């Protein structure tokens, strides 16, 4: 059920909706941006969405339905969960015996149709519709997560976790009983399943004086999911402790654990952290899918030239490659992508991680445990006796680990690691502060990559150009001249253009306007000149000056290029740069 570009071209030209010149321009743009041709045709306003969808319906022989003013039966609507409907832009609107009619925007999304068929045990009849129709139906989802929980709590009169808020007063047996209450089990299950459907990376359960606040981290930002009554707090904590095999009657010390869940979306490993706070125990759960996506550098957001430079650099048999950035900036994912590139039968790859987030085939992964004395440094010492070719150290936290990693790079190993610094040049003074000798750094460092994660724009976006006031504000945070150089180099601007001549993109709707994340990067290639500067113990600004002479682009420049290509927005770039 896919329409080939040439087939679409023939119908569009024959109908007179699009000129051949406009079509070819859109085709080139779609190939360059790695986006679907139909999305380019709509976003660049070459053809109206409704006209295109009606034409696609005609080509495929699928009826077009207009649901803009339709009221859908709630029972039919809820066959497709709200989160699934929002993500895939597909809604159920009519049901007869064993058939379900669904309206959708993307006729090529066969995976979601197959998923719905298995889930509902009904024959799925796809129909095409427009964005306004989907928007109208999505507004009709009335049963929120909060309502679901309210139903659970109210329906179960046997709930035995009423007014006792004194967490320390109950023994392990009482807490275990609470953990096994049906309402508590349903609450935790619903909470996790909903988070998976919403594509959340973390669940925060935070007790306050009178209630429990649940928040999800989606695309890097925390969002309130719901408020629970305070009386369910003990039961939820106990249930999660039971699942994670933690001590039920320990309320004074932090505890960490794991458990696994299966959902319609796949299997997940859930990493649990429990921390005592003033009004009880706060829980943070990290959701990690068991099936790791196979990442390549370009899919993570690396522009072609940078990806090629990194690929060439990873072919060196020894030296150090550092990835820097704050917590949650995607450093580990980048390292995993690099290891996947390096993972060949002829090499031995060993890692030291805290924790092991994803299991990788044919890679020896060690998880540190400071309670038994297995630290980064002690694990690294042992790994050096395991005949490795490539070492991945999850994080350089102290001078001892830094020294061992440097020595490993000096003695014929390729070392990949991360460091908490805000910029690539800033990593060098940070390592010197850890008592690493400058001459050792200059001998071992190959590349330093700094990164952040920005939210990706969905198809629901629009073009605009910057006004003078906006440009003035932007100039406070970044060098306009350097940004223009990057835009010209990437081919999204011509020589002589000004920033106000460039089209950027922004979301039409702040809720549905973003989906997923991608990286923005700066790559410092340690050349001979930079090695000499490091040996002299130079500061970050001196290193940066030399790097810029050699073509170094700051992260903000990479961000603006991606904003001009429609991958993200300027607001997102400035938000993460200034965090």
Protein backbone atom coordinates (compact mmCIF):
# COMPACT_ATOMS: atom_id res chain seq x y z
CA UNK A 1 0.00 0.00 0.00
CA UNK A 2 2.79 2.33 -0.96
CA UNK A 3 2.73 4.90 -3.74
CA UNK A 4 6.00 5.15 -5.66
CA UNK A 5 7.34 8.63 -6.44
CA UNK A 6 7.05 8.15 -10.22
CA UNK A 7 3.47 6.93 -9.88
CA UNK A 8 2.61 9.98 -7.75
CA UNK A 9 4.37 12.26 -10.25
CA UNK A 10 2.31 10.90 -13.16
CA UNK A 11 -0.98 11.48 -11.38
CA UNK A 12 -0.02 14.94 -10.07
CA UNK A 13 1.12 16.17 -13.49
CA UNK A 14 -1.88 14.62 -15.23
CA UNK A 15 -4.27 16.33 -12.80
CA UNK A 16 -2.49 19.67 -13.18
CA UNK A 17 -2.06 20.04 -9.39
CA UNK A 18 1.74 20.38 -9.60
CA UNK A 19 4.17 21.54 -12.28
CA UNK A 20 7.04 19.26 -13.33
CA UNK A 21 9.57 21.87 -12.14
CA UNK A 22 8.01 22.10 -8.64
CA UNK A 23 7.78 18.32 -8.38
CA UNK A 24 11.44 17.79 -9.27
CA UNK A 25 12.51 20.53 -6.84
CA UNK A 26 10.53 18.80 -4.06
CA UNK A 27 12.00 15.42 -5.04
CA UNK A 28 15.59 16.72 -4.75
CA UNK A 29 14.78 18.30 -1.40
CA UNK A 30 13.21 15.10 -0.05
CA UNK A 31 16.29 13.05 -1.04
CA UNK A 32 18.65 15.58 0.54
CA UNK A 33 16.65 15.91 3.79
CA UNK A 34 15.85 12.18 3.98
CA UNK A 35 12.12 12.87 4.17
CA UNK A 36 9.10 11.53 2.32
CA UNK A 37 8.25 13.33 -0.90
CA UNK A 38 4.60 13.79 0.09
CA UNK A 39 5.64 15.57 3.31
CA UNK A 40 7.83 18.00 1.34
CA UNK A 41 5.00 18.68 -1.12
CA UNK A 42 2.69 19.59 1.77
CA UNK A 43 5.17 21.48 4.00
CA UNK A 44 6.41 23.60 1.06
CA UNK A 45 2.77 24.32 0.13
CA UNK A 46 3.24 22.96 -3.40
CA UNK A 47 -0.09 21.18 -2.98
CA UNK A 48 -2.82 21.34 -0.32
CA UNK A 49 -2.86 18.39 2.09
CA UNK A 50 -6.49 17.49 1.39
CA UNK A 51 -5.99 17.49 -2.39
CA UNK A 52 -2.95 15.21 -2.07
CA UNK A 53 -4.68 12.81 0.33
CA UNK A 54 -7.75 12.56 -1.93
CA UNK A 55 -5.46 11.83 -4.88
CA UNK A 56 -3.59 9.16 -2.83
CA UNK A 57 -6.95 7.63 -1.90
CA UNK A 58 -7.88 7.49 -5.60
CA UNK A 59 -4.54 5.90 -6.59
CA UNK A 60 -4.75 3.27 -3.83
CA UNK A 61 -8.45 2.64 -4.22
CA UNK A 62 -9.07 3.53 -0.56
CA UNK A 63 -12.07 5.70 0.42
CA UNK A 64 -11.45 9.21 1.76
CA UNK A 65 -13.42 10.13 4.91
CA UNK A 66 -14.07 13.54 6.40
CA UNK A 67 -14.37 13.33 10.21
CA UNK A 68 -13.93 17.03 10.92
CA UNK A 69 -17.44 17.38 12.36
CA UNK A 70 -18.12 13.76 13.32
CA UNK A 71 -18.80 12.56 16.87
CA UNK A 72 -17.34 9.10 17.46
CA UNK A 73 -18.76 6.47 19.83
CA UNK A 74 -16.36 6.44 22.86
CA UNK A 75 -16.36 2.61 22.94
CA UNK A 76 -15.12 2.49 19.33
CA UNK A 77 -12.70 5.34 19.88
CA UNK A 78 -10.99 3.55 22.77
CA UNK A 79 -10.18 0.46 20.70
CA UNK A 80 -7.07 2.43 19.73
CA UNK A 81 -5.32 3.86 22.85
CA UNK A 82 -5.02 7.64 22.91
CA UNK A 83 -1.22 7.61 22.88
CA UNK A 84 -1.14 5.26 19.84
CA UNK A 85 -3.69 7.42 18.02
CA UNK A 86 -1.64 10.58 18.66
CA UNK A 87 1.70 9.02 17.72
CA UNK A 88 0.58 7.34 14.49
CA UNK A 89 -2.22 9.78 13.52
CA UNK A 90 -4.76 6.97 13.25
CA UNK A 91 -8.25 6.74 14.82
CA UNK A 92 -11.06 4.18 14.94
CA UNK A 93 -14.46 5.56 13.93
CA UNK A 94 -16.77 2.73 12.81
CA UNK A 95 -17.20 -0.92 13.85
CA UNK A 96 -19.40 -3.62 12.31
CA UNK A 97 -19.33 -7.24 13.55
CA UNK A 98 -15.67 -8.26 13.00
CA UNK A 99 -14.56 -5.20 11.00
CA UNK A 100 -13.06 -1.94 12.21
CA UNK A 101 -12.79 1.16 10.00
CA UNK A 102 -9.83 3.37 10.83
CA UNK A 103 -8.94 6.81 9.46
CA UNK A 104 -5.26 7.63 8.97
CA UNK A 105 -2.86 10.06 7.32
CA UNK A 106 -0.11 7.70 6.19
CA UNK A 107 -1.28 4.89 3.88
CA UNK A 108 2.17 3.31 3.97
CA UNK A 109 2.15 2.66 7.73
CA UNK A 110 1.51 -1.08 7.46
CA UNK A 111 3.11 -1.83 10.85
CA UNK A 112 0.41 0.02 12.81
CA UNK A 113 -2.34 -1.71 10.79
CA UNK A 114 -0.82 -5.12 11.57
CA UNK A 115 -0.45 -4.13 15.25
CA UNK A 116 -4.14 -3.08 15.47
CA UNK A 117 -5.26 -6.30 13.76
CA UNK A 118 -3.42 -8.46 16.33
CA UNK A 119 -4.49 -6.30 19.27
CA UNK A 120 -8.21 -6.01 18.42
CA UNK A 121 -8.66 -9.36 16.65
CA UNK A 122 -10.68 -7.47 14.01
CA UNK A 123 -10.31 -6.99 10.28
CA UNK A 124 -8.87 -3.48 9.81
CA UNK A 125 -10.28 -1.39 6.97
CA UNK A 126 -8.01 1.62 6.35
CA UNK A 127 -9.44 4.94 5.16
CA UNK A 128 -7.55 8.13 4.35
CA UNK A 129 -8.39 11.43 5.99
CA UNK A 130 -6.86 14.87 6.65
CA UNK A 131 -5.13 16.45 9.68
CA UNK A 132 -8.23 18.43 10.72
CA UNK A 133 -10.29 15.24 10.91
CA UNK A 134 -7.63 13.50 13.01
CA UNK A 135 -7.40 16.56 15.27
CA UNK A 136 -11.18 16.61 15.83
CA UNK A 137 -11.29 12.92 16.77
CA UNK A 138 -8.27 13.17 19.08
CA UNK A 139 -10.07 15.89 21.06
CA UNK A 140 -12.83 13.38 21.81
CA UNK A 141 -10.62 11.16 23.94
CA UNK A 142 -12.19 11.87 27.29
CA UNK A 143 -10.86 9.10 29.43
CA UNK A 144 -7.49 10.38 30.62
CA UNK A 145 -4.91 8.51 32.64
CA UNK A 146 -6.18 10.26 35.75
CA UNK A 147 -9.73 9.01 35.12
CA UNK A 148 -8.43 5.49 34.68
CA UNK A 149 -6.74 5.63 38.09
CA UNK A 150 -9.82 7.18 39.67
CA UNK A 151 -11.88 4.25 38.39
CA UNK A 152 -9.39 1.75 39.77
CA UNK A 153 -9.29 3.37 43.22
CA UNK A 154 -13.07 3.83 43.45
CA UNK A 155 -14.01 0.41 42.10
CA UNK A 156 -12.02 -1.49 44.69
CA UNK A 157 -13.59 -1.18 48.10
CA UNK A 158 -11.10 -3.69 49.45
CA UNK A 159 -8.24 -1.21 49.15
CA UNK A 160 -6.45 -1.47 52.47
CA UNK A 161 -4.01 1.41 52.12
CA UNK A 162 -6.15 4.15 53.56
CA UNK A 163 -4.95 6.78 56.02
CA UNK A 164 -1.63 5.54 57.29
CA UNK A 165 0.96 8.01 55.95
CA UNK A 166 3.74 7.05 58.33
CA UNK A 167 5.98 5.07 56.06
CA UNK A 168 8.23 3.84 58.87
CA UNK A 169 5.41 2.40 60.93
CA UNK A 170 4.70 -0.67 58.84
CA UNK A 171 6.61 -3.91 58.81
CA UNK A 172 7.72 -5.88 55.78
CA UNK A 173 4.72 -8.27 55.95
CA UNK A 174 2.17 -5.42 55.97
CA UNK A 175 3.91 -3.69 53.08
CA UNK A 176 4.11 -6.92 51.11
CA UNK A 177 0.37 -7.38 51.59
CA UNK A 178 -0.25 -3.85 50.26
CA UNK A 179 1.99 -4.54 47.28
CA UNK A 180 -0.18 -7.51 46.32
CA UNK A 181 -3.52 -5.64 46.50
CA UNK A 182 -5.24 -5.73 43.10
CA UNK A 183 -5.80 -1.94 42.90
CA UNK A 184 -2.10 -1.26 43.57
CA UNK A 185 -1.04 -3.79 40.93
CA UNK A 186 -3.42 -2.17 38.42
CA UNK A 187 -2.17 1.33 39.25
CA UNK A 188 1.52 0.44 38.74
CA UNK A 189 0.76 -1.58 35.57
CA UNK A 190 -1.35 1.24 34.07
CA UNK A 191 1.27 3.82 35.01
CA UNK A 192 4.08 1.91 33.25
CA UNK A 193 2.00 0.96 30.18
CA UNK A 194 0.82 4.53 29.69
CA UNK A 195 4.41 5.81 29.97
CA UNK A 196 5.50 3.34 27.27
CA UNK A 197 2.67 4.46 24.96
CA UNK A 198 3.63 8.10 25.54
CA UNK A 199 7.27 7.32 24.60
CA UNK A 200 8.47 8.43 28.05
CA UNK A 201 12.09 7.75 28.99
CA UNK A 202 11.53 8.20 32.75
CA UNK A 203 8.68 8.07 35.27
CA UNK A 204 8.91 10.30 38.37
CA UNK A 205 6.66 9.46 41.34
CA UNK A 206 6.97 12.27 43.88
CA UNK A 207 5.18 12.30 47.27
CA UNK A 208 4.06 15.67 48.65
CA UNK A 209 2.21 16.51 51.85
CA UNK A 210 -1.30 15.73 50.55
CA UNK A 211 -0.85 13.92 47.21
CA UNK A 212 1.47 12.00 44.90
CA UNK A 213 2.62 13.73 41.69
CA UNK A 214 3.41 11.54 38.67
CA UNK A 215 5.53 13.04 35.88
CA UNK A 216 6.86 11.64 32.62
CA UNK A 217 10.01 12.73 30.83
CA UNK A 218 9.13 12.85 27.13
CA UNK A 219 11.69 14.01 24.56
CA UNK A 220 13.87 15.36 27.37
CA UNK A 221 11.21 17.48 29.11
CA UNK A 222 9.27 16.56 32.26
CA UNK A 223 5.48 16.76 31.96
CA UNK A 224 2.83 16.28 34.64
CA UNK A 225 0.98 13.02 33.95
CA UNK A 226 -1.39 12.96 36.89
CA UNK A 227 -2.06 13.46 40.60
CA UNK A 228 -2.75 10.45 42.84
CA UNK A 229 -4.28 10.47 46.35
CA UNK A 230 -1.73 10.31 49.14
CA UNK A 231 -3.17 7.08 50.55
CA UNK A 232 -1.91 5.03 47.61
CA UNK A 233 1.71 6.15 48.13
CA UNK A 234 2.73 3.28 50.47
CA UNK A 235 1.21 0.67 48.20
CA UNK A 236 2.88 1.98 45.02
CA UNK A 237 6.30 2.16 46.70
CA UNK A 238 5.87 -1.34 48.14
CA UNK A 239 4.74 -2.76 44.80
CA UNK A 240 7.73 -1.32 42.96
CA UNK A 241 10.10 -2.58 45.69
CA UNK A 242 8.64 -6.09 45.38
CA UNK A 243 9.06 -6.03 41.58
CA UNK A 244 12.65 -4.74 41.93
CA UNK A 245 13.58 -7.19 44.70
CA UNK A 246 14.37 -4.38 47.17
CA UNK A 247 13.99 -4.22 50.95
CA UNK A 248 10.39 -3.40 51.79
CA UNK A 249 11.02 -2.06 55.31
CA UNK A 250 14.04 0.13 54.39
CA UNK A 251 12.89 3.77 54.24
CA UNK A 252 16.00 5.66 55.38
CA UNK A 253 18.52 4.75 52.68
CA UNK A 254 18.45 5.02 48.86
CA UNK A 255 17.86 1.78 46.97
CA UNK A 256 18.44 0.82 43.33
CA UNK A 257 16.98 -2.09 41.44
CA UNK A 258 15.51 -3.39 38.17
CA UNK A 259 12.51 -5.26 36.86
CA UNK A 260 11.22 -6.24 33.43
CA UNK A 261 7.86 -5.72 31.75
CA UNK A 262 6.26 -6.83 28.50
CA UNK A 263 3.79 -4.66 26.61
CA UNK A 264 2.26 -4.47 23.15
CA UNK A 265 5.16 -2.18 22.24
CA UNK A 266 7.79 -4.73 23.24
CA UNK A 267 9.86 -5.80 26.26
CA UNK A 268 11.40 -3.23 28.59
CA UNK A 269 13.96 -3.29 31.38
CA UNK A 270 12.99 -0.74 34.03
CA UNK A 271 15.76 0.71 36.19
CA UNK A 272 14.46 1.84 39.58
CA UNK A 273 15.94 4.44 41.93
CA UNK A 274 14.25 5.06 45.30
CA UNK A 275 15.30 8.02 47.43
CA UNK A 276 13.97 9.08 50.87
CA UNK A 277 12.49 12.60 50.78
CA UNK A 278 10.62 14.70 53.35
CA UNK A 279 7.15 13.29 52.65
CA UNK A 280 8.05 9.69 51.90
CA UNK A 281 10.07 8.01 49.16
CA UNK A 282 10.56 9.37 45.67
CA UNK A 283 10.77 6.88 42.81
CA UNK A 284 12.38 7.43 39.42
CA UNK A 285 12.02 4.66 36.84
CA UNK A 286 14.10 4.68 33.65
CA UNK A 287 12.47 2.76 30.75
CA UNK A 288 15.00 0.89 28.60
CA UNK A 289 13.77 -1.16 25.61
CA UNK A 290 15.29 -4.64 25.42
CA UNK A 291 15.59 -4.48 21.67
CA UNK A 292 18.22 -1.87 20.93
CA UNK A 293 17.79 0.09 17.78
CA UNK A 294 20.63 -0.32 15.38
CA UNK A 295 22.00 3.22 15.24
CA UNK A 296 24.24 4.72 12.62
CA UNK A 297 25.79 8.16 13.06
CA UNK A 298 23.55 9.91 10.52
CA UNK A 299 20.36 8.60 12.16
CA UNK A 300 21.54 10.17 15.45
CA UNK A 301 21.75 13.57 13.75
CA UNK A 302 25.37 13.71 12.55
CA UNK A 303 25.80 15.64 9.33
CA UNK A 304 27.51 13.71 6.55
CA UNK A 305 30.93 15.39 6.75
CA UNK A 306 31.21 14.99 10.54
CA UNK A 307 30.05 11.35 10.36
CA UNK A 308 32.76 10.63 7.78
CA UNK A 309 35.44 12.30 9.94
CA UNK A 310 34.42 10.22 12.97
CA UNK A 311 34.26 6.99 10.93
CA UNK A 312 37.79 7.62 9.65
CA UNK A 313 39.01 8.50 13.17
CA UNK A 314 37.63 5.27 14.65
CA UNK A 315 39.85 3.27 12.29
CA UNK A 316 42.89 4.36 14.30
CA UNK A 317 44.09 1.39 16.40
CA UNK A 318 44.92 3.44 19.49
CA UNK A 319 44.23 6.75 21.19
CA UNK A 320 41.26 8.26 23.00
CA UNK A 321 37.87 9.45 21.79
CA UNK A 322 35.93 11.54 24.33
CA UNK A 323 32.22 12.37 24.23
CA UNK A 324 31.21 15.26 26.49
CA UNK A 325 27.97 16.85 27.59
CA UNK A 326 25.62 17.07 30.59
CA UNK A 327 23.55 14.18 31.97
CA UNK A 328 20.87 13.04 29.53
CA UNK A 329 22.53 14.47 26.42
CA UNK A 330 22.81 11.10 24.63
CA UNK A 331 26.52 10.44 25.24
CA UNK A 332 26.04 6.72 25.96
CA UNK A 333 23.90 6.23 22.84
CA UNK A 334 26.65 7.83 20.74
CA UNK A 335 29.26 5.50 22.27
CA UNK A 336 27.00 2.48 21.61
CA UNK A 337 26.66 3.55 17.97
CA UNK A 338 30.46 3.80 17.70
CA UNK A 339 30.93 0.38 19.29
CA UNK A 340 28.44 -1.10 16.86
CA UNK A 341 30.60 0.27 14.01
CA UNK A 342 33.74 -1.22 15.60
CA UNK A 343 32.20 -4.56 16.61
CA UNK A 344 33.89 -7.10 14.34
CA UNK A 345 35.02 -10.69 15.00
CA UNK A 346 38.71 -9.75 14.89
CA UNK A 347 38.55 -7.31 17.83
CA UNK A 348 37.87 -7.71 21.56
CA UNK A 349 35.67 -4.90 22.92
CA UNK A 350 35.24 -4.55 26.69
CA UNK A 351 33.23 -1.97 28.60
CA UNK A 352 32.92 -0.64 32.15
CA UNK A 353 29.50 0.97 32.69
CA UNK A 354 27.29 2.35 35.44
CA UNK A 355 24.84 0.84 34.71
CA UNK A 356 24.79 -1.35 31.58
CA UNK A 357 21.87 0.23 29.74
CA UNK A 358 21.71 -2.06 26.71
CA UNK A 359 23.18 -5.49 26.13
CA UNK A 360 25.27 -5.71 22.98
CA UNK A 361 26.15 -8.92 21.16
CA UNK A 362 29.83 -10.02 21.31
CA UNK A 363 30.79 -7.13 23.61
CA UNK A 364 32.01 -7.84 27.15
CA UNK A 365 30.07 -5.48 29.40
CA UNK A 366 30.92 -4.99 33.07
CA UNK A 367 28.67 -3.13 35.47
CA UNK A 368 30.36 -1.38 38.37
CA UNK A 369 29.22 -1.93 41.95
CA UNK A 370 30.84 0.44 44.43
CA UNK A 371 29.29 -1.49 47.38
CA UNK A 372 31.68 -4.38 46.74
CA UNK A 373 34.58 -2.19 45.61
CA UNK A 374 34.07 -2.67 41.86
CA UNK A 375 34.66 0.92 40.70
CA UNK A 376 35.54 2.31 37.28
CA UNK A 377 39.23 2.31 38.16
CA UNK A 378 39.36 -1.20 39.68
CA UNK A 379 37.30 -2.67 36.82
CA UNK A 380 39.49 -0.92 34.25
CA UNK A 381 42.64 -2.40 35.84
CA UNK A 382 41.17 -5.90 35.50
CA UNK A 383 40.00 -5.33 31.94
CA UNK A 384 43.51 -4.39 30.84
CA UNK A 385 44.48 -7.98 31.69
CA UNK A 386 41.68 -9.32 29.45
CA UNK A 387 43.54 -8.69 26.18
CA UNK A 388 41.20 -5.98 24.87
CA UNK A 389 41.60 -4.05 21.61
CA UNK A 390 38.93 -1.46 22.39
CA UNK A 391 37.87 -0.19 25.82
CA UNK A 392 34.73 1.78 26.60
CA UNK A 393 34.75 3.52 29.97
CA UNK A 394 31.24 4.74 30.78
CA UNK A 395 32.44 7.91 32.50
CA UNK A 396 35.70 9.45 33.65
CA UNK A 397 34.79 10.65 37.15
CA UNK A 398 38.12 11.03 38.91
CA UNK A 399 41.85 11.38 38.42
CA UNK A 400 42.56 7.69 38.93
CA UNK A 401 40.12 6.60 36.18
CA UNK A 402 41.42 9.37 33.89
CA UNK A 403 45.02 8.27 34.44
CA UNK A 404 44.22 4.59 33.77
CA UNK A 405 42.26 5.46 30.60
CA UNK A 406 45.13 7.62 29.32
CA UNK A 407 47.66 4.86 30.03
CA UNK A 408 45.45 2.34 28.23
CA UNK A 409 45.39 4.62 25.18
CA UNK A 410 49.19 4.97 25.38
CA UNK A 411 49.73 1.22 25.48
CA UNK A 412 48.02 0.35 22.20
CA UNK A 413 44.28 0.45 22.98
CA UNK A 414 41.48 2.50 21.48
CA UNK A 415 39.63 4.07 24.43
CA UNK A 416 36.11 5.53 24.22
CA UNK A 417 34.76 7.44 27.18
CA UNK A 418 32.55 10.31 28.39
CA UNK A 419 33.19 13.40 30.46
CA UNK A 420 30.90 16.04 31.95
CA UNK A 421 31.92 19.32 30.28
CA UNK A 422 29.89 21.91 28.39
CA UNK A 423 32.09 22.11 25.29
CA UNK A 424 34.67 20.06 23.40
CA UNK A 425 37.63 22.41 24.11
CA UNK A 426 36.57 22.53 27.80
CA UNK A 427 37.34 18.82 28.20
CA UNK A 428 41.11 19.41 28.09
CA UNK A 429 41.40 21.78 31.12
CA UNK A 430 38.95 19.49 32.95
CA UNK A 431 41.30 16.51 32.51
CA UNK A 432 44.31 18.65 33.51
CA UNK A 433 42.36 19.57 36.70
CA UNK A 434 42.16 15.81 37.34
CA UNK A 435 45.99 15.81 37.47
CA UNK A 436 46.49 14.29 34.01
CA UNK A 437 49.80 15.51 32.58
CA UNK A 438 49.32 17.78 29.50
CA UNK A 439 52.02 15.93 27.51
CA UNK A 440 50.13 12.64 28.07
CA UNK A 441 46.88 14.22 26.85
CA UNK A 442 48.53 15.58 23.73
CA UNK A 443 49.87 12.11 22.93
CA UNK A 444 46.61 10.22 23.33
CA UNK A 445 43.62 12.43 22.43
CA UNK A 446 42.29 11.92 18.89
CA UNK A 447 38.85 13.53 19.00
CA UNK A 448 36.58 15.30 21.47
CA UNK A 449 32.88 15.39 20.68
CA UNK A 450 30.44 17.61 22.59
CA UNK A 451 26.70 17.13 22.17
CA UNK A 452 23.18 18.01 23.27
CA UNK A 453 19.77 16.62 22.37
CA UNK A 454 17.09 18.80 20.77
CA UNK A 455 13.49 17.88 20.04
CA UNK A 456 12.76 17.01 16.41
CA UNK A 457 10.04 18.86 14.57
CA UNK A 458 7.16 16.70 13.42
CA UNK A 459 5.46 17.14 10.05
CA UNK A 460 3.13 19.63 11.72
CA UNK A 461 5.44 22.62 11.12
CA UNK A 462 5.60 25.87 9.16
CA UNK A 463 8.20 28.07 7.49
CA UNK A 464 9.10 31.54 8.73
CA UNK A 465 11.90 34.07 8.52
CA UNK A 466 13.53 35.93 11.40
CA UNK A 467 12.72 39.57 12.16
CA UNK A 468 15.30 42.19 13.19
CA UNK A 469 14.34 41.97 16.86
CA UNK A 470 14.73 38.17 16.87
CA UNK A 471 18.13 38.39 15.16
CA UNK A 472 19.25 40.99 17.70
CA UNK A 473 18.24 38.65 20.51
CA UNK A 474 20.02 35.68 18.87
CA UNK A 475 23.22 37.71 18.51
CA UNK A 476 23.43 37.88 22.33
CA UNK A 477 23.99 34.11 22.45
CA UNK A 478 25.93 33.32 19.29
CA UNK A 479 28.06 34.68 16.48
CA UNK A 480 25.77 35.46 13.50
CA UNK A 481 28.70 35.61 11.06
CA UNK A 482 29.87 32.09 11.98
CA UNK A 483 26.30 30.77 11.73
CA UNK A 484 26.01 32.18 8.20
CA UNK A 485 29.33 30.55 7.25
CA UNK A 486 27.96 27.16 8.37
CA UNK A 487 24.69 27.69 6.50
CA UNK A 488 26.58 28.57 3.29
CA UNK A 489 28.94 25.59 3.74
CA UNK A 490 25.97 23.21 4.11
CA UNK A 491 24.23 24.68 1.05
CA UNK A 492 21.12 26.03 2.81
CA UNK A 493 22.23 29.63 2.15
CA UNK A 494 24.10 31.41 -0.65
CA UNK A 495 27.11 33.70 -0.34
CA UNK A 496 25.92 37.22 0.35
CA UNK A 497 22.70 36.06 2.09
CA UNK A 498 21.81 37.52 5.45
CA UNK A 499 20.18 35.67 8.35
CA UNK A 500 16.82 37.36 7.64
CA UNK A 501 16.90 35.83 4.11
CA UNK A 502 16.94 32.28 5.45
CA UNK A 503 13.78 30.28 6.10
CA UNK A 504 13.57 28.38 9.36
CA UNK A 505 10.83 26.13 10.75
CA UNK A 506 8.66 26.18 13.85
CA UNK A 507 5.89 23.91 15.17
CA UNK A 508 2.30 24.80 14.29
CA UNK A 509 1.23 23.24 17.57
CA UNK A 510 3.46 23.07 20.66
CA UNK A 511 1.91 19.76 21.76
CA UNK A 512 2.06 17.79 18.51
CA UNK A 513 4.78 19.88 16.87
CA UNK A 514 7.69 17.83 18.22
CA UNK A 515 8.34 14.10 18.11
CA UNK A 516 11.57 12.38 19.08
CA UNK A 517 15.04 13.89 19.49
CA UNK A 518 18.26 14.29 17.56
CA UNK A 519 21.75 15.45 18.46
CA UNK A 520 23.53 18.71 17.79
CA UNK A 521 27.30 18.39 17.89
CA UNK A 522 30.72 20.01 17.83
CA UNK A 523 33.77 17.92 16.96
CA UNK A 524 37.28 18.90 17.98
CA UNK A 525 39.85 17.06 15.88
CA UNK A 526 43.14 17.06 17.79
CA UNK A 527 45.63 18.15 15.10
CA UNK A 528 49.38 18.54 15.49
CA UNK A 529 49.00 22.26 16.21
CA UNK A 530 46.42 21.57 18.91
CA UNK A 531 48.65 18.85 20.41
CA UNK A 532 51.44 21.42 20.75
CA UNK A 533 49.06 23.86 22.46
CA UNK A 534 47.86 21.13 24.88
CA UNK A 535 51.47 20.22 25.74
CA UNK A 536 52.04 23.81 26.82
CA UNK A 537 49.05 23.55 29.16
CA UNK A 538 46.93 26.05 27.23
CA UNK A 539 43.43 26.99 28.33
CA UNK A 540 40.15 26.26 26.50
CA UNK A 541 39.98 29.64 24.69
CA UNK A 542 43.45 29.16 23.13
CA UNK A 543 42.51 25.67 21.97
CA UNK A 544 39.21 26.98 20.56
CA UNK A 545 40.96 29.78 18.65
CA UNK A 546 43.30 27.31 16.94
CA UNK A 547 40.47 24.83 16.26
CA UNK A 548 38.37 27.55 14.57
CA UNK A 549 41.27 28.34 12.27
CA UNK A 550 41.18 24.65 11.28
CA UNK A 551 37.43 24.63 10.51
CA UNK A 552 35.91 23.84 13.93
CA UNK A 553 32.16 24.57 14.14
CA UNK A 554 30.49 25.23 17.48
CA UNK A 555 27.40 23.28 18.51
CA UNK A 556 25.11 26.28 17.97
CA UNK A 557 26.21 26.44 14.31
CA UNK A 558 25.26 22.79 13.82
CA UNK A 559 21.92 23.52 15.51
CA UNK A 560 21.11 26.44 13.19
CA UNK A 561 21.92 24.33 10.11
CA UNK A 562 19.45 21.68 11.33
CA UNK A 563 16.86 24.37 12.10
CA UNK A 564 17.19 25.68 8.52
CA UNK A 565 16.78 22.12 7.22
CA UNK A 566 13.50 21.75 9.13
CA UNK A 567 14.80 19.12 11.57
CA UNK A 568 14.39 21.27 14.71
CA UNK A 569 13.59 24.85 15.73
CA UNK A 570 15.84 27.76 16.69
CA UNK A 571 14.04 27.91 20.06
CA UNK A 572 15.05 24.32 20.77
CA UNK A 573 18.69 24.98 19.83
CA UNK A 574 18.93 28.05 22.06
CA UNK A 575 17.12 26.23 24.90
CA UNK A 576 19.63 23.37 25.12
CA UNK A 577 22.67 25.57 24.46
CA UNK A 578 21.75 27.87 27.34
CA UNK A 579 20.65 25.20 29.82
